[in-house]
Each structure stands twice: as C-alpha cells, then as structure tokens.
Amino acid sequence: MNEAVAKAVVDEQRTVDQVVERVERRWLLWSYENDAVAESGRGLDRPLGVLLALLGASACWGNNARCEDGIDIDTGTECPRCAEVREDKAAERAAQEIPAVGGGYSVPFQAPRDAEPSPYVHCRGSGCGVKMWPSEDGLCRECREYASV
C-alpha cells in the first residue's frame, strides 16, 4: 500500500491533497460507499484491492499524464484527449448496425416463467447501453462522468 501512495505522489507528480481528492471522488463514483455501508449492499470482499484501485493512476484514453479521471488537473477542464477519444468511440458505436429483432433465430428466446429477473440494467447514456448494476440516474460511470463535465 505504501508503494501505491508513493507512486501516486512521486511518479504521477500529484500532491497529497490531489491523491486524497482522487480517493474520495472514486469512493463515491464507483459506489464503494454503497457496497460498504448498505445493509443490502455486497460489502467489500477485498478492502486492500479497493484501496489500491482508488489510489491507482487515472487511465486517460489519450495518454495525458495530467489527466485525472477525465479532468485536466492543471486547467480544471475536461481532458481534451479523453473528449476526442470519447467522441470517436461514440461515432463508432453509432455507425455499427443494430441487429434486427429476433437476430435470425426462428423462435425468439423466452426466459422460463420461474426464472428470477436479471439484476442488471442497460445504461441509458446516449448510444452506450452497457450492461451494469442499477444506479439512481441510470448511467454507467463513464456516461455519468461525461454528463458532469
């Protein structure tokens, strides 16, 4: 764990305040708080793994070293490289053909009557549709971050 903190501060050139803000933001955005405290939550099976994920470097889609979860920490604005890649990916998804209902099968699939409903929902973000656990706003993490900018 000490190595993860040192990497965030020294290797990524972040201040301690910036690392603390990263952990707090991700704790809420990635729903760890819900899992940890809610009686109906899943709990935290691997607390050390959660901490390492919270401390980990931001995965900038455009390899911008100053990007912090989609925000350029020097300017406080959306990372231009992330925005560009996000637009490219949205255009790719929009260009893909949506298969016809039935998908070519002669008999459409129907779940057995006694089957439990799936706990998953699909993101309501524009053109996203990623399969995820339900959230209050119906958006996945990436669409929520994009909408907040």
Protein backbone atom coordinates (compact mmCIF):
# COMPACT_ATOMS: atom_id res chain seq x y z
CA MET A 1 0.00 0.00 0.00
CA ASN A 2 2.85 2.39 0.80
CA GLU A 3 4.17 1.78 -2.71
CA ALA A 4 0.80 2.74 -4.22
CA VAL A 5 0.73 6.02 -2.26
CA ALA A 6 4.34 6.78 -3.17
CA LYS A 7 3.65 6.06 -6.84
CA ALA A 8 0.65 8.41 -6.85
CA VAL A 9 2.57 11.22 -5.18
CA VAL A 10 6.05 10.84 -6.66
CA ASP A 11 5.72 9.07 -10.01
CA GLU A 12 2.48 10.77 -11.05
CA GLN A 13 3.57 14.12 -9.57
CA ARG A 14 0.38 14.66 -7.56
CA THR A 15 0.09 16.49 -4.27
CA VAL A 16 -1.22 14.64 -1.22
CA ASP A 17 -4.40 16.73 -1.45
CA GLN A 18 -4.89 15.66 -5.07
CA VAL A 19 -4.48 11.98 -4.14
CA VAL A 20 -6.95 12.34 -1.24
CA GLU A 21 -9.44 14.05 -3.57
CA ARG A 22 -8.99 11.20 -6.09
CA VAL A 23 -9.76 8.56 -3.46
CA GLU A 24 -12.83 10.47 -2.16
CA ARG A 25 -14.20 11.05 -5.67
CA ARG A 26 -13.74 7.44 -6.77
CA TRP A 27 -15.14 6.09 -3.48
CA LEU A 28 -18.44 7.80 -4.28
CA LEU A 29 -18.48 7.50 -8.10
CA TRP A 30 -17.56 3.82 -8.14
CA SER A 31 -20.24 3.04 -5.49
CA TYR A 32 -17.87 1.54 -2.92
CA GLU A 33 -19.66 3.56 -0.24
CA ASN A 34 -22.95 1.87 -1.12
CA ASP A 35 -21.34 -1.57 -1.04
CA ALA A 36 -19.61 -0.89 2.27
CA VAL A 37 -22.45 0.60 4.33
CA ALA A 38 -25.76 -0.51 2.84
CA GLU A 39 -27.38 -3.48 4.53
CA SER A 40 -28.41 -4.78 1.13
CA GLY A 41 -25.00 -3.95 -0.37
CA ARG A 42 -22.48 -6.55 -1.48
CA GLY A 43 -19.87 -5.45 1.03
CA LEU A 44 -16.17 -5.11 0.35
CA ASP A 45 -14.72 -8.57 -0.24
CA ARG A 46 -11.20 -7.28 -0.78
CA PRO A 47 -10.68 -3.96 1.07
CA LEU A 48 -6.99 -3.75 0.13
CA GLY A 49 -7.86 -4.26 -3.53
CA VAL A 50 -10.44 -1.48 -3.26
CA LEU A 51 -7.86 0.85 -1.74
CA LEU A 52 -5.34 0.06 -4.47
CA ALA A 53 -7.99 0.72 -7.14
CA LEU A 54 -8.87 4.05 -5.52
CA LEU A 55 -5.21 5.06 -5.40
CA GLY A 56 -4.38 3.82 -8.92
CA ALA A 57 -3.38 6.05 -11.78
CA SER A 58 -6.08 7.50 -13.97
CA ALA A 59 -6.46 5.61 -17.23
CA CYS A 60 -6.54 8.52 -19.66
CA TRP A 61 -7.82 7.40 -23.04
CA GLY A 62 -5.43 9.81 -24.70
CA ASN A 63 -2.37 9.09 -22.50
CA ASN A 64 -2.37 12.58 -20.94
CA ALA A 65 -0.19 12.41 -17.79
CA ARG A 66 -2.04 15.39 -16.29
CA CYS A 67 -5.47 13.77 -16.74
CA GLU A 68 -7.27 12.84 -13.54
CA ASP A 69 -10.35 10.71 -14.35
CA GLY A 70 -11.18 12.78 -17.43
CA ILE A 71 -10.27 16.21 -16.00
CA ASP A 72 -7.01 18.02 -16.70
CA ILE A 73 -5.77 18.84 -13.18
CA ASP A 74 -3.83 21.87 -14.37
CA THR A 75 -6.79 23.64 -16.01
CA GLY A 76 -9.77 22.01 -14.24
CA THR A 77 -11.44 21.43 -17.60
CA GLU A 78 -12.27 18.22 -19.43
CA CYS A 79 -9.21 16.43 -20.73
CA PRO A 80 -9.15 17.24 -24.47
CA ARG A 81 -7.62 13.87 -25.33
CA CYS A 82 -10.30 11.96 -23.41
CA ALA A 83 -13.03 14.05 -25.05
CA GLU A 84 -11.63 13.33 -28.50
CA VAL A 85 -11.42 9.58 -27.90
CA ARG A 86 -14.91 9.54 -26.32
CA GLU A 87 -16.35 11.25 -29.41
CA ASP A 88 -14.58 8.77 -31.69
CA LYS A 89 -15.94 5.80 -29.73
CA ALA A 90 -19.48 7.26 -29.75
CA ALA A 91 -19.26 7.71 -33.52
CA GLU A 92 -18.08 4.11 -33.92
CA ARG A 93 -20.99 2.82 -31.83
CA ALA A 94 -23.47 4.93 -33.79
CA ALA A 95 -22.08 3.63 -37.09
CA GLN A 96 -22.49 -0.01 -36.06
CA GLU A 97 -25.57 -1.72 -37.36
CA ILE A 98 -28.22 -2.60 -34.81
CA PRO A 99 -29.30 -6.20 -35.41
CA ALA A 100 -32.92 -6.82 -36.31
CA VAL A 101 -35.27 -8.05 -33.62
CA GLY A 102 -35.08 -11.83 -33.41
CA GLY A 103 -31.48 -11.92 -34.61
CA GLY A 104 -32.20 -14.55 -37.27
CA TYR A 105 -33.48 -17.21 -34.89
CA SER A 106 -36.70 -18.92 -35.88
CA VAL A 107 -38.03 -18.87 -32.31
CA PRO A 108 -37.30 -15.85 -30.09
CA PHE A 109 -35.73 -16.63 -26.73
CA GLN A 110 -38.02 -16.53 -23.73
CA ALA A 111 -36.81 -16.97 -20.17
CA PRO A 112 -38.55 -19.69 -18.17
CA ARG A 113 -41.52 -18.40 -16.19
CA ASP A 114 -39.94 -19.34 -12.86
CA ALA A 115 -36.58 -17.69 -13.69
CA GLU A 116 -35.55 -14.79 -11.48
CA PRO A 117 -35.24 -11.44 -13.26
CA SER A 118 -31.73 -10.28 -14.08
CA PRO A 119 -30.32 -7.73 -11.59
CA TYR A 120 -28.56 -5.95 -14.46
CA VAL A 121 -29.84 -2.98 -16.43
CA HIS A 122 -28.51 -1.19 -19.50
CA CYS A 123 -27.00 2.30 -19.31
CA ARG A 124 -29.34 4.99 -20.64
CA GLY A 125 -26.44 7.14 -21.88
CA SER A 126 -26.57 8.32 -25.48
CA GLY A 127 -25.62 5.31 -27.59
CA CYS A 128 -23.99 3.50 -24.65
CA GLY A 129 -26.23 0.62 -23.48
CA VAL A 130 -23.50 -1.05 -21.41
CA LYS A 131 -24.77 -3.76 -19.02
CA MET A 132 -24.37 -2.65 -15.38
CA TRP A 133 -25.76 -2.76 -11.86
CA PRO A 134 -28.71 -0.38 -11.44
CA SER A 135 -27.87 3.19 -10.45
CA GLU A 136 -30.07 6.09 -9.36
CA ASP A 137 -29.59 8.04 -12.60
CA GLY A 138 -29.45 5.02 -14.90
CA LEU A 139 -25.97 5.94 -16.20
CA CYS A 140 -22.71 3.99 -16.14
CA ARG A 141 -19.59 5.58 -14.61
CA GLU A 142 -18.22 6.85 -17.92
CA CYS A 143 -21.53 8.40 -19.04
CA ARG A 144 -22.00 9.97 -15.57
CA GLU A 145 -18.52 11.50 -15.73
CA TYR A 146 -19.18 12.78 -19.25
CA ALA A 147 -22.53 14.29 -18.20
CA SER A 148 -20.97 16.06 -15.20
CA VAL A 149 -18.48 17.94 -17.36
